[in-house]
Amino acid sequence: MKKLIGIVAVGFVISLAGWASAADMGTSGSTEMGAPAGGAAAAAEKAKEGAAARTIKGEVLKIDGENYLVKDATGKEVKLHVSSETKKEGDVKVGDKIEAQADASGHATSIKSAKSAH
């Protein structure tokens, strides 16, 4: 009986090692057919980024190039990076009330002046 339990335990450990190896192969950059990986991995990464997206509403305190400092409704100062890739609605200036969508790193995916939000 002990021998049977030992064999089952060894089999279980070997199967776990196989699963871990298969998971590593899935993120190695290529698939079994030699095509680049990324379909599922890229989708998972996008989903993770989407989950981290947040809405920031507040007043623009300072604009320094592509960096905006916004005071949100709770009084907290939030830094936003607004690049050429950011979807912009309206002309945002210091003192304006804005609404922005930003990812976890603080990059604004969209920003609009509260004037253009009405």
PDB file of N, CA and C in Angstrom:
ATOM      1  N   MET A   1       0.822  -1.187   0.000  1.00  0.00           N
ATOM      2  CA  MET A   1       0.000   0.000   0.000  1.00  0.00           C
ATOM      3  C   MET A   1       0.870   1.257   0.000  1.00  0.00           C
ATOM      4  N   LYS A   2       1.926   1.281   0.825  1.00  0.00           N
ATOM      5  CA  LYS A   2       2.820   2.428   0.873  1.00  0.00           C
ATOM      6  C   LYS A   2       3.510   2.613  -0.473  1.00  0.00           C
ATOM      7  N   LYS A   3       3.842   1.484  -1.114  1.00  0.00           N
ATOM      8  CA  LYS A   3       4.510   1.537  -2.407  1.00  0.00           C
ATOM      9  C   LYS A   3       3.580   2.172  -3.456  1.00  0.00           C
ATOM     10  N   LEU A   4       2.306   1.831  -3.435  1.00  0.00           N
ATOM     11  CA  LEU A   4       1.325   2.382  -4.360  1.00  0.00           C
ATOM     12  C   LEU A   4       1.159   3.886  -4.146  1.00  0.00           C
ATOM     13  N   ILE A   5       1.090   4.314  -2.895  1.00  0.00           N
ATOM     14  CA  ILE A   5       0.970   5.742  -2.583  1.00  0.00           C
ATOM     15  C   ILE A   5       2.217   6.477  -3.061  1.00  0.00           C
ATOM     16  N   GLY A   6       3.381   5.896  -2.887  1.00  0.00           N
ATOM     17  CA  GLY A   6       4.638   6.503  -3.343  1.00  0.00           C
ATOM     18  C   GLY A   6       4.659   6.663  -4.852  1.00  0.00           C
ATOM     19  N   ILE A   7       4.181   5.645  -5.586  1.00  0.00           N
ATOM     20  CA  ILE A   7       4.160   5.703  -7.049  1.00  0.00           C
ATOM     21  C   ILE A   7       3.188   6.792  -7.508  1.00  0.00           C
ATOM     22  N   VAL A   8       2.026   6.881  -6.878  1.00  0.00           N
ATOM     23  CA  VAL A   8       1.047   7.906  -7.229  1.00  0.00           C
ATOM     24  C   VAL A   8       1.614   9.305  -6.941  1.00  0.00           C
ATOM     25  N   ALA A   9       2.290   9.464  -5.822  1.00  0.00           N
ATOM     26  CA  ALA A   9       2.875  10.756  -5.462  1.00  0.00           C
ATOM     27  C   ALA A   9       3.947  11.170  -6.470  1.00  0.00           C
ATOM     28  N   VAL A  10       4.802  10.230  -6.878  1.00  0.00           N
ATOM     29  CA  VAL A  10       5.843  10.525  -7.865  1.00  0.00           C
ATOM     30  C   VAL A  10       5.204  10.911  -9.199  1.00  0.00           C
ATOM     31  N   GLY A  11       4.182  10.199  -9.594  1.00  0.00           N
ATOM     32  CA  GLY A  11       3.476  10.524 -10.837  1.00  0.00           C
ATOM     33  C   GLY A  11       2.876  11.916 -10.790  1.00  0.00           C
ATOM     34  N   PHE A  12       2.326  12.274  -9.663  1.00  0.00           N
ATOM     35  CA  PHE A  12       1.739  13.600  -9.495  1.00  0.00           C
ATOM     36  C   PHE A  12       2.804  14.687  -9.629  1.00  0.00           C
ATOM     37  N   VAL A  13       3.937  14.503  -8.985  1.00  0.00           N
ATOM     38  CA  VAL A  13       5.028  15.480  -9.055  1.00  0.00           C
ATOM     39  C   VAL A  13       5.536  15.619 -10.489  1.00  0.00           C
ATOM     40  N   ILE A  14       5.671  14.517 -11.195  1.00  0.00           N
ATOM     41  CA  ILE A  14       6.133  14.552 -12.582  1.00  0.00           C
ATOM     42  C   ILE A  14       5.123  15.285 -13.459  1.00  0.00           C
ATOM     43  N   SER A  15       3.843  15.063 -13.232  1.00  0.00           N
ATOM     44  CA  SER A  15       2.834  15.757 -14.040  1.00  0.00           C
ATOM     45  C   SER A  15       2.845  17.260 -13.767  1.00  0.00           C
ATOM     46  N   LEU A  16       3.074  17.675 -12.520  1.00  0.00           N
ATOM     47  CA  LEU A  16       3.179  19.096 -12.210  1.00  0.00           C
ATOM     48  C   LEU A  16       4.363  19.722 -12.936  1.00  0.00           C
ATOM     49  N   ALA A  17       5.475  19.001 -12.967  1.00  0.00           N
ATOM     50  CA  ALA A  17       6.658  19.505 -13.667  1.00  0.00           C
ATOM     51  C   ALA A  17       6.363  19.649 -15.154  1.00  0.00           C
ATOM     52  N   GLY A  18       5.623  18.728 -15.720  1.00  0.00           N
ATOM     53  CA  GLY A  18       5.253  18.810 -17.131  1.00  0.00           C
ATOM     54  C   GLY A  18       4.362  19.999 -17.412  1.00  0.00           C
ATOM     55  N   TRP A  19       3.419  20.281 -16.515  1.00  0.00           N
ATOM     56  CA  TRP A  19       2.537  21.434 -16.691  1.00  0.00           C
ATOM     57  C   TRP A  19       3.330  22.734 -16.610  1.00  0.00           C
ATOM     58  N   ALA A  20       4.251  22.806 -15.664  1.00  0.00           N
ATOM     59  CA  ALA A  20       5.069  24.010 -15.521  1.00  0.00           C
ATOM     60  C   ALA A  20       5.917  24.225 -16.771  1.00  0.00           C
ATOM     61  N   SER A  21       6.458  23.165 -17.301  1.00  0.00           N
ATOM     62  CA  SER A  21       7.265  23.259 -18.517  1.00  0.00           C
ATOM     63  C   SER A  21       6.407  23.704 -19.695  1.00  0.00           C
ATOM     64  N   ALA A  22       5.219  23.178 -19.809  1.00  0.00           N
ATOM     65  CA  ALA A  22       4.315  23.563 -20.894  1.00  0.00           C
ATOM     66  C   ALA A  22       3.919  25.028 -20.776  1.00  0.00           C
ATOM     67  N   ALA A  23       3.721  25.511 -19.561  1.00  0.00           N
ATOM     68  CA  ALA A  23       3.372  26.918 -19.358  1.00  0.00           C
ATOM     69  C   ALA A  23       4.529  27.814 -19.776  1.00  0.00           C
ATOM     70  N   ASP A  24       5.755  27.425 -19.467  1.00  0.00           N
ATOM     71  CA  ASP A  24       6.925  28.198 -19.876  1.00  0.00           C
ATOM     72  C   ASP A  24       7.048  28.231 -21.390  1.00  0.00           C
ATOM     73  N   MET A  25       6.751  27.145 -22.053  1.00  0.00           N
ATOM     74  CA  MET A  25       6.852  27.090 -23.503  1.00  0.00           C
ATOM     75  C   MET A  25       5.825  28.010 -24.147  1.00  0.00           C
ATOM     76  N   GLY A  26       4.696  28.187 -23.516  1.00  0.00           N
ATOM     77  CA  GLY A  26       3.641  29.032 -24.060  1.00  0.00           C
ATOM     78  C   GLY A  26       4.012  30.503 -24.083  1.00  0.00           C
ATOM     79  N   THR A  27       4.948  30.936 -23.250  1.00  0.00           N
ATOM     80  CA  THR A  27       5.350  32.334 -23.220  1.00  0.00           C
ATOM     81  C   THR A  27       6.752  32.535 -23.776  1.00  0.00           C
ATOM     82  N   SER A  28       7.291  31.554 -24.469  1.00  0.00           N
ATOM     83  CA  SER A  28       8.665  31.650 -24.940  1.00  0.00           C
ATOM     84  C   SER A  28       8.826  32.497 -26.184  1.00  0.00           C
ATOM     85  N   GLY A  29       7.749  32.857 -26.846  1.00  0.00           N
ATOM     86  CA  GLY A  29       7.862  33.699 -28.016  1.00  0.00           C
ATOM     87  C   GLY A  29       7.541  32.971 -29.305  1.00  0.00           C
ATOM     88  N   SER A  30       7.355  31.682 -29.278  1.00  0.00           N
ATOM     89  CA  SER A  30       6.959  30.980 -30.497  1.00  0.00           C
ATOM     90  C   SER A  30       6.027  29.843 -30.135  1.00  0.00           C
ATOM     91  N   THR A  31       5.237  29.442 -31.101  1.00  0.00           N
ATOM     92  CA  THR A  31       4.309  28.351 -30.886  1.00  0.00           C
ATOM     93  C   THR A  31       4.881  27.086 -31.482  1.00  0.00           C
ATOM     94  N   GLU A  32       4.167  25.995 -31.337  1.00  0.00           N
ATOM     95  CA  GLU A  32       4.617  24.721 -31.859  1.00  0.00           C
ATOM     96  C   GLU A  32       4.811  24.768 -33.365  1.00  0.00           C
ATOM     97  N   MET A  33       4.018  25.560 -34.060  1.00  0.00           N
ATOM     98  CA  MET A  33       4.084  25.628 -35.513  1.00  0.00           C
ATOM     99  C   MET A  33       5.168  26.594 -35.979  1.00  0.00           C
ATOM    100  N   GLY A  34       5.850  27.247 -35.053  1.00  0.00           N
ATOM    101  CA  GLY A  34       6.909  28.171 -35.415  1.00  0.00           C
ATOM    102  C   GLY A  34       6.427  29.598 -35.608  1.00  0.00           C
ATOM    103  N   ALA A  35       5.153  29.843 -35.443  1.00  0.00           N
ATOM    104  CA  ALA A  35       4.621  31.193 -35.570  1.00  0.00           C
ATOM    105  C   ALA A  35       4.843  31.938 -34.268  1.00  0.00           C
ATOM    106  N   PRO A  36       4.940  33.245 -34.332  1.00  0.00           N
ATOM    107  CA  PRO A  36       5.147  33.992 -33.098  1.00  0.00           C
ATOM    108  C   PRO A  36       3.984  33.800 -32.134  1.00  0.00           C
ATOM    109  N   ALA A  37       4.330  33.668 -30.879  1.00  0.00           N
ATOM    110  CA  ALA A  37       3.298  33.564 -29.854  1.00  0.00           C
ATOM    111  C   ALA A  37       2.791  34.964 -29.579  1.00  0.00           C
ATOM    112  N   GLY A  38       1.737  35.077 -28.848  1.00  0.00           N
ATOM    113  CA  GLY A  38       1.273  36.395 -28.476  1.00  0.00           C
ATOM    114  C   GLY A  38      -0.220  36.507 -28.546  1.00  0.00           C
ATOM    115  N   GLY A  39      -0.888  35.651 -29.277  1.00  0.00           N
ATOM    116  CA  GLY A  39      -2.331  35.730 -29.361  1.00  0.00           C
ATOM    117  C   GLY A  39      -2.948  35.733 -27.984  1.00  0.00           C
ATOM    118  N   ALA A  40      -2.808  34.648 -27.272  1.00  0.00           N
ATOM    119  CA  ALA A  40      -3.394  34.538 -25.935  1.00  0.00           C
ATOM    120  C   ALA A  40      -2.646  35.413 -24.946  1.00  0.00           C
ATOM    121  N   ALA A  41      -1.319  35.444 -25.042  1.00  0.00           N
ATOM    122  CA  ALA A  41      -0.527  36.240 -24.104  1.00  0.00           C
ATOM    123  C   ALA A  41      -0.820  37.728 -24.283  1.00  0.00           C
ATOM    124  N   ALA A  42      -0.915  38.173 -25.527  1.00  0.00           N
ATOM    125  CA  ALA A  42      -1.202  39.581 -25.786  1.00  0.00           C
ATOM    126  C   ALA A  42      -2.605  39.940 -25.305  1.00  0.00           C
ATOM    127  N   ALA A  43      -3.558  39.045 -25.517  1.00  0.00           N
ATOM    128  CA  ALA A  43      -4.925  39.288 -25.063  1.00  0.00           C
ATOM    129  C   ALA A  43      -4.975  39.375 -23.543  1.00  0.00           C
ATOM    130  N   ALA A  44      -4.235  38.510 -22.869  1.00  0.00           N
ATOM    131  CA  ALA A  44      -4.204  38.534 -21.409  1.00  0.00           C
ATOM    132  C   ALA A  44      -3.574  39.832 -20.913  1.00  0.00           C
ATOM    133  N   GLU A  45      -2.514  40.288 -21.579  1.00  0.00           N
ATOM    134  CA  GLU A  45      -1.854  41.533 -21.195  1.00  0.00           C
ATOM    135  C   GLU A  45      -2.788  42.718 -21.391  1.00  0.00           C
ATOM    136  N   LYS A  46      -3.519  42.744 -22.514  1.00  0.00           N
ATOM    137  CA  LYS A  46      -4.480  43.827 -22.757  1.00  0.00           C
ATOM    138  C   LYS A  46      -5.581  43.826 -21.710  1.00  0.00           C
ATOM    139  N   ALA A  47      -6.042  42.624 -21.346  1.00  0.00           N
ATOM    140  CA  ALA A  47      -7.094  42.523 -20.336  1.00  0.00           C
ATOM    141  C   ALA A  47      -6.594  43.053 -19.003  1.00  0.00           C
ATOM    142  N   LYS A  48      -5.333  42.754 -18.689  1.00  0.00           N
ATOM    143  CA  LYS A  48      -4.754  43.223 -17.443  1.00  0.00           C
ATOM    144  C   LYS A  48      -4.653  44.744 -17.466  1.00  0.00           C
ATOM    145  N   GLU A  49      -4.229  45.320 -18.585  1.00  0.00           N
ATOM    146  CA  GLU A  49      -4.135  46.762 -18.694  1.00  0.00           C
ATOM    147  C   GLU A  49      -5.513  47.400 -18.602  1.00  0.00           C
ATOM    148  N   GLY A  50      -6.500  46.784 -19.251  1.00  0.00           N
ATOM    149  CA  GLY A  50      -7.853  47.310 -19.208  1.00  0.00           C
ATOM    150  C   GLY A  50      -8.404  47.325 -17.794  1.00  0.00           C
ATOM    151  N   ALA A  51      -8.077  46.303 -17.023  1.00  0.00           N
ATOM    152  CA  ALA A  51      -8.561  46.216 -15.652  1.00  0.00           C
ATOM    153  C   ALA A  51      -7.940  47.314 -14.797  1.00  0.00           C
ATOM    154  N   ALA A  52      -6.739  47.771 -15.167  1.00  0.00           N
ATOM    155  CA  ALA A  52      -6.056  48.771 -14.378  1.00  0.00           C
ATOM    156  C   ALA A  52      -6.428  50.184 -14.810  1.00  0.00           C
ATOM    157  N   ALA A  53      -7.214  50.341 -15.877  1.00  0.00           N
ATOM    158  CA  ALA A  53      -7.599  51.666 -16.353  1.00  0.00           C
ATOM    159  C   ALA A  53      -8.469  52.351 -15.310  1.00  0.00           C
ATOM    160  N   ARG A  54      -8.341  53.669 -15.254  1.00  0.00           N
ATOM    161  CA  ARG A  54      -9.134  54.413 -14.278  1.00  0.00           C
ATOM    162  C   ARG A  54      -9.553  55.754 -14.871  1.00  0.00           C
ATOM    163  N   THR A  55     -10.596  56.310 -14.325  1.00  0.00           N
ATOM    164  CA  THR A  55     -11.083  57.615 -14.750  1.00  0.00           C
ATOM    165  C   THR A  55     -10.619  58.646 -13.735  1.00  0.00           C
ATOM    166  N   ILE A  56     -10.058  59.726 -14.239  1.00  0.00           N
ATOM    167  CA  ILE A  56      -9.597  60.808 -13.378  1.00  0.00           C
ATOM    168  C   ILE A  56     -10.371  62.057 -13.761  1.00  0.00           C
ATOM    169  N   LYS A  57     -11.033  62.646 -12.768  1.00  0.00           N
ATOM    170  CA  LYS A  57     -11.760  63.897 -12.975  1.00  0.00           C
ATOM    171  C   LYS A  57     -11.170  64.911 -12.017  1.00  0.00           C
ATOM    172  N   GLY A  58     -10.880  66.096 -12.532  1.00  0.00           N
ATOM    173  CA  GLY A  58     -10.330  67.110 -11.658  1.00  0.00           C
ATOM    174  C   GLY A  58      -9.898  68.350 -12.405  1.00  0.00           C
ATOM    175  N   GLU A  59      -9.119  69.187 -11.707  1.00  0.00           N
ATOM    176  CA  GLU A  59      -8.661  70.456 -12.256  1.00  0.00           C
ATOM    177  C   GLU A  59      -7.189  70.363 -12.620  1.00  0.00           C
ATOM    178  N   VAL A  60      -6.850  70.872 -13.801  1.00  0.00           N
ATOM    179  CA  VAL A  60      -5.456  70.878 -14.249  1.00  0.00           C
ATOM    180  C   VAL A  60      -4.713  71.971 -13.485  1.00  0.00           C
ATOM    181  N   LEU A  61      -3.698  71.562 -12.714  1.00  0.00           N
ATOM    182  CA  LEU A  61      -2.908  72.514 -11.938  1.00  0.00           C
ATOM    183  C   LEU A  61      -1.690  73.005 -12.711  1.00  0.00           C
ATOM    184  N   LYS A  62      -1.113  72.098 -13.512  1.00  0.00           N
ATOM    185  CA  LYS A  62       0.133  72.432 -14.197  1.00  0.00           C
ATOM    186  C   LYS A  62       0.272  71.571 -15.447  1.00  0.00           C
ATOM    187  N   ILE A  63       0.806  72.164 -16.519  1.00  0.00           N
ATOM    188  CA  ILE A  63       1.137  71.407 -17.729  1.00  0.00           C
ATOM    189  C   ILE A  63       2.605  71.673 -18.025  1.00  0.00           C
ATOM    190  N   ASP A  64       3.390  70.611 -18.050  1.00  0.00           N
ATOM    191  CA  ASP A  64       4.826  70.709 -18.346  1.00  0.00           C
ATOM    192  C   ASP A  64       5.122  69.747 -19.488  1.00  0.00           C
ATOM    193  N   GLY A  65       5.027  70.245 -20.724  1.00  0.00           N
ATOM    194  CA  GLY A  65       5.222  69.390 -21.900  1.00  0.00           C
ATOM    195  C   GLY A  65       4.097  68.377 -21.986  1.00  0.00           C
ATOM    196  N   GLU A  66       4.445  67.095 -21.912  1.00  0.00           N
ATOM    197  CA  GLU A  66       3.441  66.020 -21.975  1.00  0.00           C
ATOM    198  C   GLU A  66       2.945  65.603 -20.594  1.00  0.00           C
ATOM    199  N   ASN A  67       3.433  66.245 -19.550  1.00  0.00           N
ATOM    200  CA  ASN A  67       3.067  65.881 -18.179  1.00  0.00           C
ATOM    201  C   ASN A  67       2.072  66.875 -17.604  1.00  0.00           C
ATOM    202  N   TYR A  68       0.929  66.337 -17.173  1.00  0.00           N
ATOM    203  CA  TYR A  68      -0.130  67.147 -16.598  1.00  0.00           C
ATOM    204  C   TYR A  68      -0.252  66.799 -15.115  1.00  0.00           C
ATOM    205  N   LEU A  69      -0.426  67.819 -14.282  1.00  0.00           N
ATOM    206  CA  LEU A  69      -0.688  67.607 -12.861  1.00  0.00           C
ATOM    207  C   LEU A  69      -2.139  67.996 -12.622  1.00  0.00           C
ATOM    208  N   VAL A  70      -2.928  67.031 -12.127  1.00  0.00           N
ATOM    209  CA  VAL A  70      -4.368  67.221 -11.945  1.00  0.00           C
ATOM    210  C   VAL A  70      -4.719  67.006 -10.484  1.00  0.00           C
ATOM    211  N   LYS A  71      -5.537  67.908  -9.934  1.00  0.00           N
ATOM    212  CA  LYS A  71      -6.052  67.745  -8.568  1.00  0.00           C
ATOM    213  C   LYS A  71      -7.425  67.109  -8.700  1.00  0.00           C
ATOM    214  N   ASP A  72      -7.563  65.864  -8.207  1.00  0.00           N
ATOM    215  CA  ASP A  72      -8.838  65.155  -8.369  1.00  0.00           C
ATOM    216  C   ASP A  72      -9.860  65.603  -7.326  1.00  0.00           C
ATOM    217  N   ALA A  73     -11.039  65.015  -7.376  1.00  0.00           N
ATOM    218  CA  ALA A  73     -12.156  65.407  -6.505  1.00  0.00           C
ATOM    219  C   ALA A  73     -11.850  65.211  -5.019  1.00  0.00           C
ATOM    220  N   THR A  74     -10.934  64.293  -4.703  1.00  0.00           N
ATOM    221  CA  THR A  74     -10.587  64.049  -3.298  1.00  0.00           C
ATOM    222  C   THR A  74      -9.470  64.967  -2.819  1.00  0.00           C
ATOM    223  N   GLY A  75      -8.937  65.807  -3.730  1.00  0.00           N
ATOM    224  CA  GLY A  75      -7.851  66.706  -3.366  1.00  0.00           C
ATOM    225  C   GLY A  75      -6.467  66.129  -3.628  1.00  0.00           C
ATOM    226  N   LYS A  76      -6.442  64.912  -4.120  1.00  0.00           N
ATOM    227  CA  LYS A  76      -5.165  64.249  -4.407  1.00  0.00           C
ATOM    228  C   LYS A  76      -4.610  64.749  -5.740  1.00  0.00           C
ATOM    229  N   GLU A  77      -3.290  64.980  -5.786  1.00  0.00           N
ATOM    230  CA  GLU A  77      -2.646  65.385  -7.031  1.00  0.00           C
ATOM    231  C   GLU A  77      -2.254  64.140  -7.813  1.00  0.00           C
ATOM    232  N   VAL A  78      -2.661  64.102  -9.082  1.00  0.00           N
ATOM    233  CA  VAL A  78      -2.432  62.947  -9.943  1.00  0.00           C
ATOM    234  C   VAL A  78      -1.611  63.398 -11.140  1.00  0.00           C
ATOM    235  N   LYS A  79      -0.545  62.658 -11.444  1.00  0.00           N
ATOM    236  CA  LYS A  79       0.278  62.969 -12.612  1.00  0.00           C
ATOM    237  C   LYS A  79      -0.229  62.155 -13.799  1.00  0.00           C
ATOM    238  N   LEU A  80      -0.393  62.843 -14.935  1.00  0.00           N
ATOM    239  CA  LEU A  80      -0.831  62.183 -16.169  1.00  0.00           C
ATOM    240  C   LEU A  80       0.180  62.459 -17.266  1.00  0.00           C
ATOM    241  N   HIS A  81       0.451  61.456 -18.065  1.00  0.00           N
ATOM    242  CA  HIS A  81       1.286  61.626 -19.253  1.00  0.00           C
ATOM    243  C   HIS A  81       0.345  61.677 -20.446  1.00  0.00           C
ATOM    244  N   VAL A  82       0.365  62.803 -21.156  1.00  0.00           N
ATOM    245  CA  VAL A  82      -0.510  63.016 -22.307  1.00  0.00           C
ATOM    246  C   VAL A  82       0.385  63.123 -23.534  1.00  0.00           C
ATOM    247  N   SER A  83       0.338  62.117 -24.401  1.00  0.00           N
ATOM    248  CA  SER A  83       1.202  62.088 -25.584  1.00  0.00           C
ATOM    249  C   SER A  83       0.392  62.269 -26.856  1.00  0.00           C
ATOM    250  N   SER A  84       1.068  62.157 -27.983  1.00  0.00           N
ATOM    251  CA  SER A  84       0.383  62.258 -29.271  1.00  0.00           C
ATOM    252  C   SER A  84      -0.572  61.085 -29.479  1.00  0.00           C
ATOM    253  N   GLU A  85      -0.391  60.014 -28.719  1.00  0.00           N
ATOM    254  CA  GLU A  85      -1.274  58.847 -28.807  1.00  0.00           C
ATOM    255  C   GLU A  85      -2.557  59.025 -27.997  1.00  0.00           C
ATOM    256  N   THR A  86      -2.594  60.030 -27.130  1.00  0.00           N
ATOM    257  CA  THR A  86      -3.760  60.290 -26.295  1.00  0.00           C
ATOM    258  C   THR A  86      -4.873  60.917 -27.135  1.00  0.00           C
ATOM    259  N   LYS A  87      -6.075  60.367 -27.022  1.00  0.00           N
ATOM    260  CA  LYS A  87      -7.242  60.940 -27.709  1.00  0.00           C
ATOM    261  C   LYS A  87      -7.655  62.194 -26.942  1.00  0.00           C
ATOM    262  N   LYS A  88      -7.639  63.341 -27.632  1.00  0.00           N
ATOM    263  CA  LYS A  88      -7.933  64.617 -26.978  1.00  0.00           C
ATOM    264  C   LYS A  88      -9.222  65.210 -27.522  1.00  0.00           C
ATOM    265  N   GLU A  89     -10.065  65.685 -26.605  1.00  0.00           N
ATOM    266  CA  GLU A  89     -11.304  66.375 -26.971  1.00  0.00           C
ATOM    267  C   GLU A  89     -11.274  67.740 -26.299  1.00  0.00           C
ATOM    268  N   GLY A  90     -11.276  68.773 -27.106  1.00  0.00           N
ATOM    269  CA  GLY A  90     -11.230  70.123 -26.563  1.00  0.00           C
ATOM    270  C   GLY A  90      -9.793  70.540 -26.295  1.00  0.00           C
ATOM    271  N   ASP A  91      -9.622  71.842 -26.042  1.00  0.00           N
ATOM    272  CA  ASP A  91      -8.314  72.416 -25.759  1.00  0.00           C
ATOM    273  C   ASP A  91      -8.148  72.488 -24.242  1.00  0.00           C
ATOM    274  N   VAL A  92      -7.311  71.641 -23.682  1.00  0.00           N
ATOM    275  CA  VAL A  92      -7.128  71.580 -22.232  1.00  0.00           C
ATOM    276  C   VAL A  92      -6.029  72.560 -21.814  1.00  0.00           C
ATOM    277  N   LYS A  93      -6.373  73.428 -20.841  1.00  0.00           N
ATOM    278  CA  LYS A  93      -5.430  74.426 -20.324  1.00  0.00           C
ATOM    279  C   LYS A  93      -5.408  74.350 -18.797  1.00  0.00           C
ATOM    280  N   VAL A  94      -4.379  74.960 -18.210  1.00  0.00           N
ATOM    281  CA  VAL A  94      -4.283  75.049 -16.752  1.00  0.00           C
ATOM    282  C   VAL A  94      -5.545  75.734 -16.230  1.00  0.00           C
ATOM    283  N   GLY A  95      -6.131  75.178 -15.178  1.00  0.00           N
ATOM    284  CA  GLY A  95      -7.348  75.712 -14.579  1.00  0.00           C
ATOM    285  C   GLY A  95      -8.610  75.025 -15.069  1.00  0.00           C
ATOM    286  N   ASP A  96      -8.503  74.283 -16.185  1.00  0.00           N
ATOM    287  CA  ASP A  96      -9.672  73.583 -16.726  1.00  0.00           C
ATOM    288  C   ASP A  96     -10.034  72.372 -15.880  1.00  0.00           C
ATOM    289  N   LYS A  97     -11.314  72.081 -15.844  1.00  0.00           N
ATOM    290  CA  LYS A  97     -11.803  70.823 -15.281  1.00  0.00           C
ATOM    291  C   LYS A  97     -11.733  69.806 -16.416  1.00  0.00           C
ATOM    292  N   ILE A  98     -11.174  68.628 -16.117  1.00  0.00           N
ATOM    293  CA  ILE A  98     -11.013  67.603 -17.152  1.00  0.00           C
ATOM    294  C   ILE A  98     -11.538  66.254 -16.680  1.00  0.00           C
ATOM    295  N   GLU A  99     -11.698  65.366 -17.647  1.00  0.00           N
ATOM    296  CA  GLU A  99     -11.979  63.965 -17.382  1.00  0.00           C
ATOM    297  C   GLU A  99     -11.024  63.186 -18.268  1.00  0.00           C
ATOM    298  N   ALA A 100     -10.274  62.277 -17.664  1.00  0.00           N
ATOM    299  CA  ALA A 100      -9.285  61.503 -18.418  1.00  0.00           C
ATOM    300  C   ALA A 100      -9.396  60.029 -18.077  1.00  0.00           C
ATOM    301  N   GLN A 101      -9.066  59.195 -19.061  1.00  0.00           N
ATOM    302  CA  GLN A 101      -8.928  57.758 -18.851  1.00  0.00           C
ATOM    303  C   GLN A 101      -7.432  57.491 -18.853  1.00  0.00           C
ATOM    304  N   ALA A 102      -6.936  56.802 -17.842  1.00  0.00           N
ATOM    305  CA  ALA A 102      -5.499  56.552 -17.740  1.00  0.00           C
ATOM    306  C   ALA A 102      -5.241  55.098 -17.394  1.00  0.00           C
ATOM    307  N   ASP A 103      -4.096  54.586 -17.855  1.00  0.00           N
ATOM    308  CA  ASP A 103      -3.708  53.221 -17.502  1.00  0.00           C
ATOM    309  C   ASP A 103      -2.980  53.236 -16.157  1.00  0.00           C
ATOM    310  N   ALA A 104      -2.539  52.068 -15.721  1.00  0.00           N
ATOM    311  CA  ALA A 104      -1.913  51.938 -14.403  1.00  0.00           C
ATOM    312  C   ALA A 104      -0.615  52.728 -14.291  1.00  0.00           C
ATOM    313  N   SER A 105       0.057  52.973 -15.419  1.00  0.00           N
ATOM    314  CA  SER A 105       1.327  53.706 -15.380  1.00  0.00           C
ATOM    315  C   SER A 105       1.120  55.216 -15.408  1.00  0.00           C
ATOM    316  N   GLY A 106      -0.125  55.679 -15.535  1.00  0.00           N
ATOM    317  CA  GLY A 106      -0.404  57.105 -15.537  1.00  0.00           C
ATOM    318  C   GLY A 106      -0.465  57.720 -16.920  1.00  0.00           C
ATOM    319  N   HIS A 107      -0.418  56.893 -17.961  1.00  0.00           N
ATOM    320  CA  HIS A 107      -0.548  57.407 -19.323  1.00  0.00           C
ATOM    321  C   HIS A 107      -2.024  57.602 -19.642  1.00  0.00           C
ATOM    322  N   ALA A 108      -2.368  58.805 -20.082  1.00  0.00           N
ATOM    323  CA  ALA A 108      -3.751  59.106 -20.424  1.00  0.00           C
ATOM    324  C   ALA A 108      -4.064  58.545 -21.804  1.00  0.00           C
ATOM    325  N   THR A 109      -5.061  57.679 -21.881  1.00  0.00           N
ATOM    326  CA  THR A 109      -5.502  57.164 -23.173  1.00  0.00           C
ATOM    327  C   THR A 109      -6.492  58.129 -23.818  1.00  0.00           C
ATOM    328  N   SER A 110      -7.186  58.922 -22.996  1.00  0.00           N
ATOM    329  CA  SER A 110      -8.058  59.980 -23.505  1.00  0.00           C
ATOM    330  C   SER A 110      -8.158  61.071 -22.447  1.00  0.00           C
ATOM    331  N   ILE A 111      -8.372  62.273 -22.932  1.00  0.00           N
ATOM    332  CA  ILE A 111      -8.561  63.414 -22.032  1.00  0.00           C
ATOM    333  C   ILE A 111      -9.496  64.393 -22.710  1.00  0.00           C
ATOM    334  N   LYS A 112     -10.403  64.971 -21.915  1.00  0.00           N
ATOM    335  CA  LYS A 112     -11.298  65.969 -22.467  1.00  0.00           C
ATOM    336  C   LYS A 112     -11.567  67.052 -21.440  1.00  0.00           C
ATOM    337  N   SER A 113     -11.738  68.252 -21.949  1.00  0.00           N
ATOM    338  CA  SER A 113     -12.085  69.381 -21.118  1.00  0.00           C
ATOM    339  C   SER A 113     -13.533  69.213 -20.683  1.00  0.00           C
ATOM    340  N   ALA A 114     -13.844  69.586 -19.466  1.00  0.00           N
ATOM    341  CA  ALA A 114     -15.218  69.468 -18.987  1.00  0.00           C
ATOM    342  C   ALA A 114     -16.157  70.306 -19.846  1.00  0.00           C
ATOM    343  N   LYS A 115     -15.638  71.354 -20.471  1.00  0.00           N
ATOM    344  CA  LYS A 115     -16.456  72.208 -21.356  1.00  0.00           C
ATOM    345  C   LYS A 115     -16.946  71.390 -22.548  1.00  0.00           C
ATOM    346  N   SER A 116     -16.076  70.498 -23.088  1.00  0.00           N
ATOM    347  CA  SER A 116     -16.472  69.702 -24.252  1.00  0.00           C
ATOM    348  C   SER A 116     -17.220  68.452 -23.827  1.00  0.00           C
ATOM    349  N   ALA A 117     -17.311  68.188 -22.528  1.00  0.00           N
ATOM    350  CA  ALA A 117     -18.015  66.995 -22.049  1.00  0.00           C
ATOM    351  C   ALA A 117     -19.527  67.226 -22.021  1.00  0.00           C
ATOM    352  N   HIS A 118     -19.966  68.482 -22.055  1.00  0.00           N
ATOM    353  CA  HIS A 118     -21.403  68.789 -21.988  1.00  0.00           C
ATOM    354  C   HIS A 118     -22.036  68.725 -23.325  1.00  0.00           C
TER     355      HIS A 118
END
